[in-house]
Amino acid sequence: MSETQPTREPYLPDPSSRATPNRFQRFLYWLAGADWATLRLCPAGERERVAVLGSTILVPTVMAFLGMFFFARSRSADPSFFAVLAVSLLWAFVILNTDRTLIALYRPFQPFWRRAVQVTFG
């Protein structure tokens, strides 16, 4: 007696999900390391999850920029605005790339100790 396994229906996006996202949504997708060509085939809930991942990278980046900007401005009596801006942008870029790398390399299906090493040394 042979038992057949049920076949899974492939996900087919509804026609309304093919709408192009706005620039901010695309930016959030990019921050999360995702591409619209792939995301448009995903359910709306998955696209929202990816946008939230992008915002978890955007917020620390903005905070890093502002924090370094105020820190660099307070270090001398009359600092050059462009030097402070350059240092702040550089620091925000470092934080942005570190966060994107952590998100891109994190694998939730690995054992706990491997995930801990990824987050600690990522």
PDB file of N, CA and C in Angstrom:
ATOM      1  N   MET A   1       0.822  -1.164   0.000  1.00  0.00           N
ATOM      2  CA  MET A   1       0.000   0.000   0.000  1.00  0.00           C
ATOM      3  C   MET A   1       0.882   1.249   0.000  1.00  0.00           C
ATOM      4  N   SER A   2       0.761   2.044  -0.963  1.00  0.00           N
ATOM      5  CA  SER A   2       1.588   3.235  -1.099  1.00  0.00           C
ATOM      6  C   SER A   2       0.791   4.465  -0.681  1.00  0.00           C
ATOM      7  N   GLU A   3       1.393   5.200   0.193  1.00  0.00           N
ATOM      8  CA  GLU A   3       0.736   6.418   0.660  1.00  0.00           C
ATOM      9  C   GLU A   3       1.358   7.609  -0.056  1.00  0.00           C
ATOM     10  N   THR A   4       0.546   8.374  -0.710  1.00  0.00           N
ATOM     11  CA  THR A   4       1.072   9.549  -1.415  1.00  0.00           C
ATOM     12  C   THR A   4       1.037  10.752  -0.482  1.00  0.00           C
ATOM     13  N   GLN A   5       2.060  11.526  -0.585  1.00  0.00           N
ATOM     14  CA  GLN A   5       2.126  12.734   0.228  1.00  0.00           C
ATOM     15  C   GLN A   5       1.400  13.856  -0.492  1.00  0.00           C
ATOM     16  N   PRO A   6       0.717  14.677   0.283  1.00  0.00           N
ATOM     17  CA  PRO A   6       0.003  15.784  -0.372  1.00  0.00           C
ATOM     18  C   PRO A   6       1.001  16.747  -1.009  1.00  0.00           C
ATOM     19  N   THR A   7       0.638  17.248  -2.145  1.00  0.00           N
ATOM     20  CA  THR A   7       1.510  18.213  -2.826  1.00  0.00           C
ATOM     21  C   THR A   7       1.173  19.607  -2.326  1.00  0.00           C
ATOM     22  N   ARG A   8       2.188  20.391  -2.205  1.00  0.00           N
ATOM     23  CA  ARG A   8       2.010  21.778  -1.783  1.00  0.00           C
ATOM     24  C   ARG A   8       1.783  22.645  -2.993  1.00  0.00           C
ATOM     25  N   GLU A   9       0.789  23.446  -2.902  1.00  0.00           N
ATOM     26  CA  GLU A   9       0.529  24.385  -3.986  1.00  0.00           C
ATOM     27  C   GLU A   9       1.575  25.491  -3.934  1.00  0.00           C
ATOM     28  N   PRO A  10       2.167  25.852  -5.066  1.00  0.00           N
ATOM     29  CA  PRO A  10       3.136  26.966  -5.044  1.00  0.00           C
ATOM     30  C   PRO A  10       2.393  28.270  -4.762  1.00  0.00           C
ATOM     31  N   TYR A  11       3.110  29.166  -4.088  1.00  0.00           N
ATOM     32  CA  TYR A  11       2.504  30.465  -3.796  1.00  0.00           C
ATOM     33  C   TYR A  11       2.482  31.289  -5.060  1.00  0.00           C
ATOM     34  N   LEU A  12       1.326  31.757  -5.402  1.00  0.00           N
ATOM     35  CA  LEU A  12       1.181  32.647  -6.545  1.00  0.00           C
ATOM     36  C   LEU A  12       0.702  33.997  -6.026  1.00  0.00           C
ATOM     37  N   PRO A  13       1.494  35.036  -6.228  1.00  0.00           N
ATOM     38  CA  PRO A  13       1.090  36.342  -5.699  1.00  0.00           C
ATOM     39  C   PRO A  13      -0.161  36.843  -6.398  1.00  0.00           C
ATOM     40  N   ASP A  14      -0.966  37.562  -5.657  1.00  0.00           N
ATOM     41  CA  ASP A  14      -2.149  38.138  -6.286  1.00  0.00           C
ATOM     42  C   ASP A  14      -1.712  39.320  -7.149  1.00  0.00           C
ATOM     43  N   PRO A  15      -2.488  39.648  -8.156  1.00  0.00           N
ATOM     44  CA  PRO A  15      -2.079  40.727  -9.080  1.00  0.00           C
ATOM     45  C   PRO A  15      -1.841  42.061  -8.386  1.00  0.00           C
ATOM     46  N   SER A  16      -2.543  42.321  -7.280  1.00  0.00           N
ATOM     47  CA  SER A  16      -2.350  43.608  -6.609  1.00  0.00           C
ATOM     48  C   SER A  16      -0.990  43.698  -5.931  1.00  0.00           C
ATOM     49  N   SER A  17      -0.338  42.550  -5.650  1.00  0.00           N
ATOM     50  CA  SER A  17       0.955  42.582  -4.978  1.00  0.00           C
ATOM     51  C   SER A  17       2.095  42.912  -5.935  1.00  0.00           C
ATOM     52  N   ARG A  18       1.792  42.986  -7.198  1.00  0.00           N
ATOM     53  CA  ARG A  18       2.834  43.311  -8.172  1.00  0.00           C
ATOM     54  C   ARG A  18       3.082  44.815  -8.277  1.00  0.00           C
ATOM     55  N   ALA A  19       2.365  45.574  -7.496  1.00  0.00           N
ATOM     56  CA  ALA A  19       2.563  47.022  -7.494  1.00  0.00           C
ATOM     57  C   ALA A  19       3.986  47.341  -7.045  1.00  0.00           C
ATOM     58  N   THR A  20       4.563  48.326  -7.659  1.00  0.00           N
ATOM     59  CA  THR A  20       5.925  48.716  -7.336  1.00  0.00           C
ATOM     60  C   THR A  20       5.953  49.459  -6.003  1.00  0.00           C
ATOM     61  N   PRO A  21       6.891  49.104  -5.118  1.00  0.00           N
ATOM     62  CA  PRO A  21       6.971  49.811  -3.839  1.00  0.00           C
ATOM     63  C   PRO A  21       7.531  51.215  -4.041  1.00  0.00           C
ATOM     64  N   ASN A  22       7.271  52.082  -3.071  1.00  0.00           N
ATOM     65  CA  ASN A  22       7.822  53.425  -3.175  1.00  0.00           C
ATOM     66  C   ASN A  22       9.321  53.394  -2.863  1.00  0.00           C
ATOM     67  N   ARG A  23       9.969  54.521  -3.015  1.00  0.00           N
ATOM     68  CA  ARG A  23      11.431  54.579  -2.841  1.00  0.00           C
ATOM     69  C   ARG A  23      11.865  54.221  -1.427  1.00  0.00           C
ATOM     70  N   PHE A  24      11.091  54.660  -0.430  1.00  0.00           N
ATOM     71  CA  PHE A  24      11.460  54.362   0.943  1.00  0.00           C
ATOM     72  C   PHE A  24      11.371  52.866   1.223  1.00  0.00           C
ATOM     73  N   GLN A  25      10.328  52.211   0.695  1.00  0.00           N
ATOM     74  CA  GLN A  25      10.212  50.764   0.857  1.00  0.00           C
ATOM     75  C   GLN A  25      11.380  50.053   0.176  1.00  0.00           C
ATOM     76  N   ARG A  26      11.717  50.480  -1.014  1.00  0.00           N
ATOM     77  CA  ARG A  26      12.866  49.875  -1.712  1.00  0.00           C
ATOM     78  C   ARG A  26      14.150  50.065  -0.906  1.00  0.00           C
ATOM     79  N   PHE A  27      14.296  51.230  -0.294  1.00  0.00           N
ATOM     80  CA  PHE A  27      15.468  51.502   0.527  1.00  0.00           C
ATOM     81  C   PHE A  27      15.503  50.559   1.730  1.00  0.00           C
ATOM     82  N   LEU A  28      14.366  50.357   2.384  1.00  0.00           N
ATOM     83  CA  LEU A  28      14.300  49.424   3.506  1.00  0.00           C
ATOM     84  C   LEU A  28      14.608  47.996   3.062  1.00  0.00           C
ATOM     85  N   TYR A  29      14.112  47.603   1.899  1.00  0.00           N
ATOM     86  CA  TYR A  29      14.418  46.267   1.369  1.00  0.00           C
ATOM     87  C   TYR A  29      15.916  46.131   1.121  1.00  0.00           C
ATOM     88  N   TRP A  30      16.515  47.186   0.556  1.00  0.00           N
ATOM     89  CA  TRP A  30      17.954  47.156   0.294  1.00  0.00           C
ATOM     90  C   TRP A  30      18.740  47.045   1.598  1.00  0.00           C
ATOM     91  N   LEU A  31      18.336  47.801   2.610  1.00  0.00           N
ATOM     92  CA  LEU A  31      19.011  47.730   3.899  1.00  0.00           C
ATOM     93  C   LEU A  31      18.971  46.316   4.470  1.00  0.00           C
ATOM     94  N   ALA A  32      17.866  45.625   4.263  1.00  0.00           N
ATOM     95  CA  ALA A  32      17.720  44.258   4.770  1.00  0.00           C
ATOM     96  C   ALA A  32      18.425  43.240   3.879  1.00  0.00           C
ATOM     97  N   GLY A  33      18.960  43.685   2.755  1.00  0.00           N
ATOM     98  CA  GLY A  33      19.671  42.780   1.861  1.00  0.00           C
ATOM     99  C   GLY A  33      18.763  42.015   0.922  1.00  0.00           C
ATOM    100  N   ALA A  34      17.564  42.522   0.687  1.00  0.00           N
ATOM    101  CA  ALA A  34      16.610  41.849  -0.182  1.00  0.00           C
ATOM    102  C   ALA A  34      16.449  42.622  -1.491  1.00  0.00           C
ATOM    103  N   ASP A  35      15.912  41.937  -2.476  1.00  0.00           N
ATOM    104  CA  ASP A  35      15.725  42.535  -3.791  1.00  0.00           C
ATOM    105  C   ASP A  35      14.241  42.496  -4.140  1.00  0.00           C
ATOM    106  N   TRP A  36      13.740  43.556  -4.755  1.00  0.00           N
ATOM    107  CA  TRP A  36      12.326  43.625  -5.088  1.00  0.00           C
ATOM    108  C   TRP A  36      11.932  42.539  -6.083  1.00  0.00           C
ATOM    109  N   ALA A  37      12.814  42.179  -6.979  1.00  0.00           N
ATOM    110  CA  ALA A  37      12.481  41.138  -7.956  1.00  0.00           C
ATOM    111  C   ALA A  37      12.119  39.826  -7.256  1.00  0.00           C
ATOM    112  N   THR A  38      12.744  39.551  -6.138  1.00  0.00           N
ATOM    113  CA  THR A  38      12.427  38.358  -5.362  1.00  0.00           C
ATOM    114  C   THR A  38      11.249  38.616  -4.437  1.00  0.00           C
ATOM    115  N   LEU A  39      11.247  39.764  -3.782  1.00  0.00           N
ATOM    116  CA  LEU A  39      10.196  40.064  -2.810  1.00  0.00           C
ATOM    117  C   LEU A  39       8.813  40.178  -3.431  1.00  0.00           C
ATOM    118  N   ARG A  40       8.734  40.585  -4.669  1.00  0.00           N
ATOM    119  CA  ARG A  40       7.406  40.732  -5.273  1.00  0.00           C
ATOM    120  C   ARG A  40       6.700  39.398  -5.411  1.00  0.00           C
ATOM    121  N   LEU A  41       7.457  38.306  -5.365  1.00  0.00           N
ATOM    122  CA  LEU A  41       6.873  36.972  -5.435  1.00  0.00           C
ATOM    123  C   LEU A  41       6.449  36.449  -4.068  1.00  0.00           C
ATOM    124  N   CYS A  42       6.785  37.191  -3.009  1.00  0.00           N
ATOM    125  CA  CYS A  42       6.475  36.765  -1.643  1.00  0.00           C
ATOM    126  C   CYS A  42       5.143  37.352  -1.194  1.00  0.00           C
ATOM    127  N   PRO A  43       4.524  36.722  -0.196  1.00  0.00           N
ATOM    128  CA  PRO A  43       3.297  37.308   0.368  1.00  0.00           C
ATOM    129  C   PRO A  43       3.586  38.666   1.005  1.00  0.00           C
ATOM    130  N   ALA A  44       2.550  39.453   1.153  1.00  0.00           N
ATOM    131  CA  ALA A  44       2.701  40.807   1.710  1.00  0.00           C
ATOM    132  C   ALA A  44       3.288  40.768   3.110  1.00  0.00           C
ATOM    133  N   GLY A  45       2.935  39.778   3.896  1.00  0.00           N
ATOM    134  CA  GLY A  45       3.469  39.673   5.254  1.00  0.00           C
ATOM    135  C   GLY A  45       4.968  39.483   5.274  1.00  0.00           C
ATOM    136  N   GLU A  46       5.487  38.740   4.332  1.00  0.00           N
ATOM    137  CA  GLU A  46       6.937  38.532   4.243  1.00  0.00           C
ATOM    138  C   GLU A  46       7.635  39.817   3.817  1.00  0.00           C
ATOM    139  N   ARG A  47       7.041  40.556   2.907  1.00  0.00           N
ATOM    140  CA  ARG A  47       7.623  41.841   2.492  1.00  0.00           C
ATOM    141  C   ARG A  47       7.641  42.818   3.661  1.00  0.00           C
ATOM    142  N   GLU A  48       6.589  42.781   4.481  1.00  0.00           N
ATOM    143  CA  GLU A  48       6.553  43.653   5.655  1.00  0.00           C
ATOM    144  C   GLU A  48       7.647  43.265   6.649  1.00  0.00           C
ATOM    145  N   ARG A  49       7.878  41.967   6.817  1.00  0.00           N
ATOM    146  CA  ARG A  49       8.933  41.505   7.723  1.00  0.00           C
ATOM    147  C   ARG A  49      10.298  41.981   7.249  1.00  0.00           C
ATOM    148  N   VAL A  50      10.533  41.941   5.956  1.00  0.00           N
ATOM    149  CA  VAL A  50      11.813  42.394   5.404  1.00  0.00           C
ATOM    150  C   VAL A  50      11.957  43.905   5.585  1.00  0.00           C
ATOM    151  N   ALA A  51      10.875  44.652   5.418  1.00  0.00           N
ATOM    152  CA  ALA A  51      10.933  46.104   5.629  1.00  0.00           C
ATOM    153  C   ALA A  51      11.238  46.428   7.094  1.00  0.00           C
ATOM    154  N   VAL A  52      10.699  45.637   8.020  1.00  0.00           N
ATOM    155  CA  VAL A  52      11.000  45.844   9.437  1.00  0.00           C
ATOM    156  C   VAL A  52      12.470  45.559   9.707  1.00  0.00           C
ATOM    157  N   LEU A  53      13.019  44.520   9.071  1.00  0.00           N
ATOM    158  CA  LEU A  53      14.456  44.254   9.210  1.00  0.00           C
ATOM    159  C   LEU A  53      15.273  45.442   8.711  1.00  0.00           C
ATOM    160  N   GLY A  54      14.844  46.026   7.600  1.00  0.00           N
ATOM    161  CA  GLY A  54      15.535  47.202   7.085  1.00  0.00           C
ATOM    162  C   GLY A  54      15.477  48.369   8.043  1.00  0.00           C
ATOM    163  N   SER A  55      14.334  48.539   8.701  1.00  0.00           N
ATOM    164  CA  SER A  55      14.228  49.651   9.660  1.00  0.00           C
ATOM    165  C   SER A  55      15.075  49.395  10.898  1.00  0.00           C
ATOM    166  N   THR A  56      15.308  48.122  11.252  1.00  0.00           N
ATOM    167  CA  THR A  56      16.183  47.840  12.396  1.00  0.00           C
ATOM    168  C   THR A  56      17.641  48.136  12.060  1.00  0.00           C
ATOM    169  N   ILE A  57      17.938  48.316  10.817  1.00  0.00           N
ATOM    170  CA  ILE A  57      19.276  48.732  10.414  1.00  0.00           C
ATOM    171  C   ILE A  57      19.323  50.254  10.261  1.00  0.00           C
ATOM    172  N   LEU A  58      18.240  50.837   9.788  1.00  0.00           N
ATOM    173  CA  LEU A  58      18.192  52.282   9.574  1.00  0.00           C
ATOM    174  C   LEU A  58      18.264  53.063  10.887  1.00  0.00           C
ATOM    175  N   VAL A  59      17.520  52.637  11.886  1.00  0.00           N
ATOM    176  CA  VAL A  59      17.456  53.382  13.152  1.00  0.00           C
ATOM    177  C   VAL A  59      18.832  53.476  13.833  1.00  0.00           C
ATOM    178  N   PRO A  60      19.580  52.378  14.019  1.00  0.00           N
ATOM    179  CA  PRO A  60      20.911  52.530  14.630  1.00  0.00           C
ATOM    180  C   PRO A  60      21.869  53.363  13.781  1.00  0.00           C
ATOM    181  N   THR A  61      21.702  53.323  12.469  1.00  0.00           N
ATOM    182  CA  THR A  61      22.559  54.117  11.596  1.00  0.00           C
ATOM    183  C   THR A  61      22.315  55.609  11.819  1.00  0.00           C
ATOM    184  N   VAL A  62      21.062  55.999  11.877  1.00  0.00           N
ATOM    185  CA  VAL A  62      20.722  57.409  12.117  1.00  0.00           C
ATOM    186  C   VAL A  62      21.196  57.830  13.510  1.00  0.00           C
ATOM    187  N   MET A  63      20.971  56.956  14.493  1.00  0.00           N
ATOM    188  CA  MET A  63      21.413  57.278  15.857  1.00  0.00           C
ATOM    189  C   MET A  63      22.936  57.376  15.931  1.00  0.00           C
ATOM    190  N   ALA A  64      23.654  56.536  15.203  1.00  0.00           N
ATOM    191  CA  ALA A  64      25.119  56.605  15.185  1.00  0.00           C
ATOM    192  C   ALA A  64      25.583  57.924  14.570  1.00  0.00           C
ATOM    193  N   PHE A  65      24.921  58.335  13.484  1.00  0.00           N
ATOM    194  CA  PHE A  65      25.277  59.609  12.853  1.00  0.00           C
ATOM    195  C   PHE A  65      25.061  60.766  13.817  1.00  0.00           C
ATOM    196  N   LEU A  66      23.877  60.818  14.427  1.00  0.00           N
ATOM    197  CA  LEU A  66      23.574  61.924  15.335  1.00  0.00           C
ATOM    198  C   LEU A  66      24.488  61.915  16.562  1.00  0.00           C
ATOM    199  N   GLY A  67      24.717  60.736  17.115  1.00  0.00           N
ATOM    200  CA  GLY A  67      25.590  60.640  18.286  1.00  0.00           C
ATOM    201  C   GLY A  67      27.005  61.115  17.992  1.00  0.00           C
ATOM    202  N   MET A  68      27.553  60.676  16.857  1.00  0.00           N
ATOM    203  CA  MET A  68      28.909  61.093  16.501  1.00  0.00           C
ATOM    204  C   MET A  68      28.938  62.578  16.133  1.00  0.00           C
ATOM    205  N   PHE A  69      27.879  63.072  15.512  1.00  0.00           N
ATOM    206  CA  PHE A  69      27.836  64.484  15.155  1.00  0.00           C
ATOM    207  C   PHE A  69      27.910  65.355  16.414  1.00  0.00           C
ATOM    208  N   PHE A  70      27.089  65.036  17.406  1.00  0.00           N
ATOM    209  CA  PHE A  70      27.098  65.830  18.637  1.00  0.00           C
ATOM    210  C   PHE A  70      28.387  65.625  19.424  1.00  0.00           C
ATOM    211  N   PHE A  71      28.920  64.426  19.422  1.00  0.00           N
ATOM    212  CA  PHE A  71      30.185  64.175  20.113  1.00  0.00           C
ATOM    213  C   PHE A  71      31.319  64.964  19.463  1.00  0.00           C
ATOM    214  N   ALA A  72      31.413  64.889  18.127  1.00  0.00           N
ATOM    215  CA  ALA A  72      32.499  65.575  17.424  1.00  0.00           C
ATOM    216  C   ALA A  72      32.368  67.100  17.563  1.00  0.00           C
ATOM    217  N   ARG A  73      31.139  67.620  17.585  1.00  0.00           N
ATOM    218  CA  ARG A  73      30.943  69.068  17.757  1.00  0.00           C
ATOM    219  C   ARG A  73      31.376  69.530  19.143  1.00  0.00           C
ATOM    220  N   SER A  74      31.259  68.653  20.124  1.00  0.00           N
ATOM    221  CA  SER A  74      31.559  69.058  21.503  1.00  0.00           C
ATOM    222  C   SER A  74      33.032  68.882  21.870  1.00  0.00           C
ATOM    223  N   ARG A  75      33.831  68.312  20.986  1.00  0.00           N
ATOM    224  CA  ARG A  75      35.229  68.031  21.322  1.00  0.00           C
ATOM    225  C   ARG A  75      36.141  69.246  21.199  1.00  0.00           C
ATOM    226  N   SER A  76      35.740  70.269  20.485  1.00  0.00           N
ATOM    227  CA  SER A  76      36.576  71.469  20.397  1.00  0.00           C
ATOM    228  C   SER A  76      35.686  72.710  20.403  1.00  0.00           C
ATOM    229  N   ALA A  77      36.305  73.847  20.612  1.00  0.00           N
ATOM    230  CA  ALA A  77      35.550  75.094  20.742  1.00  0.00           C
ATOM    231  C   ALA A  77      34.878  75.496  19.433  1.00  0.00           C
ATOM    232  N   ASP A  78      35.579  75.357  18.315  1.00  0.00           N
ATOM    233  CA  ASP A  78      35.026  75.766  17.023  1.00  0.00           C
ATOM    234  C   ASP A  78      35.419  74.751  15.947  1.00  0.00           C
ATOM    235  N   PRO A  79      34.776  73.577  15.913  1.00  0.00           N
ATOM    236  CA  PRO A  79      35.154  72.567  14.930  1.00  0.00           C
ATOM    237  C   PRO A  79      34.624  72.918  13.535  1.00  0.00           C
ATOM    238  N   SER A  80      35.312  72.444  12.540  1.00  0.00           N
ATOM    239  CA  SER A  80      34.862  72.629  11.157  1.00  0.00           C
ATOM    240  C   SER A  80      33.606  71.778  10.926  1.00  0.00           C
ATOM    241  N   PHE A  81      32.581  72.407  10.383  1.00  0.00           N
ATOM    242  CA  PHE A  81      31.326  71.689  10.141  1.00  0.00           C
ATOM    243  C   PHE A  81      31.552  70.513   9.205  1.00  0.00           C
ATOM    244  N   PHE A  82      32.345  70.702   8.159  1.00  0.00           N
ATOM    245  CA  PHE A  82      32.555  69.639   7.183  1.00  0.00           C
ATOM    246  C   PHE A  82      33.371  68.484   7.756  1.00  0.00           C
ATOM    247  N   ALA A  83      34.300  68.780   8.663  1.00  0.00           N
ATOM    248  CA  ALA A  83      35.054  67.711   9.315  1.00  0.00           C
ATOM    249  C   ALA A  83      34.137  66.903  10.225  1.00  0.00           C
ATOM    250  N   VAL A  84      33.281  67.590  10.969  1.00  0.00           N
ATOM    251  CA  VAL A  84      32.326  66.901  11.849  1.00  0.00           C
ATOM    252  C   VAL A  84      31.355  66.068  11.006  1.00  0.00           C
ATOM    253  N   LEU A  85      30.881  66.624   9.916  1.00  0.00           N
ATOM    254  CA  LEU A  85      29.972  65.910   9.028  1.00  0.00           C
ATOM    255  C   LEU A  85      30.644  64.675   8.438  1.00  0.00           C
ATOM    256  N   ALA A  86      31.888  64.813   8.005  1.00  0.00           N
ATOM    257  CA  ALA A  86      32.609  63.684   7.418  1.00  0.00           C
ATOM    258  C   ALA A  86      32.825  62.564   8.435  1.00  0.00           C
ATOM    259  N   VAL A  87      33.235  62.916   9.636  1.00  0.00           N
ATOM    260  CA  VAL A  87      33.448  61.904  10.680  1.00  0.00           C
ATOM    261  C   VAL A  87      32.124  61.225  11.026  1.00  0.00           C
ATOM    262  N   SER A  88      31.057  61.990  11.104  1.00  0.00           N
ATOM    263  CA  SER A  88      29.742  61.430  11.434  1.00  0.00           C
ATOM    264  C   SER A  88      29.246  60.495  10.343  1.00  0.00           C
ATOM    265  N   LEU A  89      29.417  60.892   9.090  1.00  0.00           N
ATOM    266  CA  LEU A  89      29.015  60.028   7.982  1.00  0.00           C
ATOM    267  C   LEU A  89      29.843  58.748   7.945  1.00  0.00           C
ATOM    268  N   LEU A  90      31.122  58.863   8.197  1.00  0.00           N
ATOM    269  CA  LEU A  90      31.984  57.685   8.215  1.00  0.00           C
ATOM    270  C   LEU A  90      31.554  56.723   9.326  1.00  0.00           C
ATOM    271  N   TRP A  91      31.274  57.243  10.501  1.00  0.00           N
ATOM    272  CA  TRP A  91      30.840  56.385  11.613  1.00  0.00           C
ATOM    273  C   TRP A  91      29.486  55.734  11.304  1.00  0.00           C
ATOM    274  N   ALA A  92      28.565  56.484  10.723  1.00  0.00           N
ATOM    275  CA  ALA A  92      27.266  55.919  10.354  1.00  0.00           C
ATOM    276  C   ALA A  92      27.433  54.825   9.304  1.00  0.00           C
ATOM    277  N   PHE A  93      28.365  55.013   8.366  1.00  0.00           N
ATOM    278  CA  PHE A  93      28.637  54.007   7.338  1.00  0.00           C
ATOM    279  C   PHE A  93      29.182  52.720   7.968  1.00  0.00           C
ATOM    280  N   VAL A  94      30.052  52.855   8.958  1.00  0.00           N
ATOM    281  CA  VAL A  94      30.598  51.678   9.655  1.00  0.00           C
ATOM    282  C   VAL A  94      29.474  50.918  10.355  1.00  0.00           C
ATOM    283  N   ILE A  95      28.611  51.631  11.051  1.00  0.00           N
ATOM    284  CA  ILE A  95      27.499  50.993  11.759  1.00  0.00           C
ATOM    285  C   ILE A  95      26.538  50.351  10.768  1.00  0.00           C
ATOM    286  N   LEU A  96      26.229  51.038   9.689  1.00  0.00           N
ATOM    287  CA  LEU A  96      25.332  50.497   8.665  1.00  0.00           C
ATOM    288  C   LEU A  96      25.859  49.182   8.110  1.00  0.00           C
ATOM    289  N   ASN A  97      27.126  49.170   7.729  1.00  0.00           N
ATOM    290  CA  ASN A  97      27.689  47.953   7.146  1.00  0.00           C
ATOM    291  C   ASN A  97      27.821  46.825   8.160  1.00  0.00           C
ATOM    292  N   THR A  98      28.136  47.158   9.395  1.00  0.00           N
ATOM    293  CA  THR A  98      28.197  46.129  10.435  1.00  0.00           C
ATOM    294  C   THR A  98      26.825  45.506  10.646  1.00  0.00           C
ATOM    295  N   ASP A  99      25.787  46.315  10.738  1.00  0.00           N
ATOM    296  CA  ASP A  99      24.437  45.792  10.941  1.00  0.00           C
ATOM    297  C   ASP A  99      23.956  44.977   9.746  1.00  0.00           C
ATOM    298  N   ARG A 100      24.216  45.466   8.543  1.00  0.00           N
ATOM    299  CA  ARG A 100      23.805  44.708   7.345  1.00  0.00           C
ATOM    300  C   ARG A 100      24.525  43.368   7.272  1.00  0.00           C
ATOM    301  N   THR A 101      25.794  43.345   7.656  1.00  0.00           N
ATOM    302  CA  THR A 101      26.546  42.084   7.655  1.00  0.00           C
ATOM    303  C   THR A 101      25.965  41.118   8.676  1.00  0.00           C
ATOM    304  N   LEU A 102      25.650  41.617   9.868  1.00  0.00           N
ATOM    305  CA  LEU A 102      25.046  40.758  10.885  1.00  0.00           C
ATOM    306  C   LEU A 102      23.727  40.172  10.407  1.00  0.00           C
ATOM    307  N   ILE A 103      22.890  40.981   9.782  1.00  0.00           N
ATOM    308  CA  ILE A 103      21.600  40.496   9.285  1.00  0.00           C
ATOM    309  C   ILE A 103      21.799  39.499   8.149  1.00  0.00           C
ATOM    310  N   ALA A 104      22.721  39.784   7.245  1.00  0.00           N
ATOM    311  CA  ALA A 104      22.920  38.910   6.088  1.00  0.00           C
ATOM    312  C   ALA A 104      23.534  37.564   6.459  1.00  0.00           C
ATOM    313  N   LEU A 105      24.381  37.543   7.467  1.00  0.00           N
ATOM    314  CA  LEU A 105      25.085  36.305   7.808  1.00  0.00           C
ATOM    315  C   LEU A 105      24.409  35.488   8.900  1.00  0.00           C
ATOM    316  N   TYR A 106      23.437  36.048   9.575  1.00  0.00           N
ATOM    317  CA  TYR A 106      22.788  35.329  10.673  1.00  0.00           C
ATOM    318  C   TYR A 106      21.941  34.191  10.106  1.00  0.00           C
ATOM    319  N   ARG A 107      22.138  33.006  10.625  1.00  0.00           N
ATOM    320  CA  ARG A 107      21.381  31.832  10.189  1.00  0.00           C
ATOM    321  C   ARG A 107      20.642  31.247  11.389  1.00  0.00           C
ATOM    322  N   PRO A 108      19.324  31.437  11.473  1.00  0.00           N
ATOM    323  CA  PRO A 108      18.579  31.002  12.657  1.00  0.00           C
ATOM    324  C   PRO A 108      18.480  29.490  12.814  1.00  0.00           C
ATOM    325  N   PHE A 109      18.747  28.733  11.761  1.00  0.00           N
ATOM    326  CA  PHE A 109      18.601  27.280  11.841  1.00  0.00           C
ATOM    327  C   PHE A 109      19.834  26.592  12.420  1.00  0.00           C
ATOM    328  N   GLN A 110      20.898  27.312  12.688  1.00  0.00           N
ATOM    329  CA  GLN A 110      22.102  26.710  13.248  1.00  0.00           C
ATOM    330  C   GLN A 110      21.956  26.529  14.754  1.00  0.00           C
ATOM    331  N   PRO A 111      22.798  25.677  15.348  1.00  0.00           N
ATOM    332  CA  PRO A 111      22.742  25.487  16.805  1.00  0.00           C
ATOM    333  C   PRO A 111      22.996  26.808  17.543  1.00  0.00           C
ATOM    334  N   PHE A 112      22.538  26.839  18.794  1.00  0.00           N
ATOM    335  CA  PHE A 112      22.641  28.063  19.588  1.00  0.00           C
ATOM    336  C   PHE A 112      24.057  28.583  19.680  1.00  0.00           C
ATOM    337  N   TRP A 113      25.034  27.728  19.920  1.00  0.00           N
ATOM    338  CA  TRP A 113      26.410  28.198  20.095  1.00  0.00           C
ATOM    339  C   TRP A 113      26.951  28.828  18.814  1.00  0.00           C
ATOM    340  N   ARG A 114      26.549  28.331  17.638  1.00  0.00           N
ATOM    341  CA  ARG A 114      26.992  28.931  16.371  1.00  0.00           C
ATOM    342  C   ARG A 114      26.350  30.306  16.170  1.00  0.00           C
ATOM    343  N   ARG A 115      25.073  30.419  16.531  1.00  0.00           N
ATOM    344  CA  ARG A 115      24.404  31.724  16.416  1.00  0.00           C
ATOM    345  C   ARG A 115      25.034  32.728  17.365  1.00  0.00           C
ATOM    346  N   ALA A 116      25.389  32.298  18.570  1.00  0.00           N
ATOM    347  CA  ALA A 116      26.013  33.185  19.545  1.00  0.00           C
ATOM    348  C   ALA A 116      27.362  33.676  19.024  1.00  0.00           C
ATOM    349  N   VAL A 117      28.127  32.801  18.386  1.00  0.00           N
ATOM    350  CA  VAL A 117      29.430  33.182  17.818  1.00  0.00           C
ATOM    351  C   VAL A 117      29.215  34.168  16.664  1.00  0.00           C
ATOM    352  N   GLN A 118      28.188  33.937  15.829  1.00  0.00           N
ATOM    353  CA  GLN A 118      27.899  34.834  14.711  1.00  0.00           C
ATOM    354  C   GLN A 118      27.590  36.248  15.206  1.00  0.00           C
ATOM    355  N   VAL A 119      26.764  36.351  16.229  1.00  0.00           N
ATOM    356  CA  VAL A 119      26.386  37.667  16.741  1.00  0.00           C
ATOM    357  C   VAL A 119      27.553  38.319  17.475  1.00  0.00           C
ATOM    358  N   THR A 120      28.325  37.528  18.218  1.00  0.00           N
ATOM    359  CA  THR A 120      29.424  38.082  18.987  1.00  0.00           C
ATOM    360  C   THR A 120      30.563  38.561  18.103  1.00  0.00           C
ATOM    361  N   PHE A 121      30.939  37.759  17.129  1.00  0.00           N
ATOM    362  CA  PHE A 121      32.107  38.092  16.296  1.00  0.00           C
ATOM    363  C   PHE A 121      31.740  38.510  14.895  1.00  0.00           C
ATOM    364  N   GLY A 122      30.453  38.661  14.599  1.00  0.00           N
ATOM    365  CA  GLY A 122      29.995  39.023  13.260  1.00  0.00           C
ATOM    366  C   GLY A 122      30.406  40.385  12.916  1.00  0.00           C
TER     367      GLY A 122
END
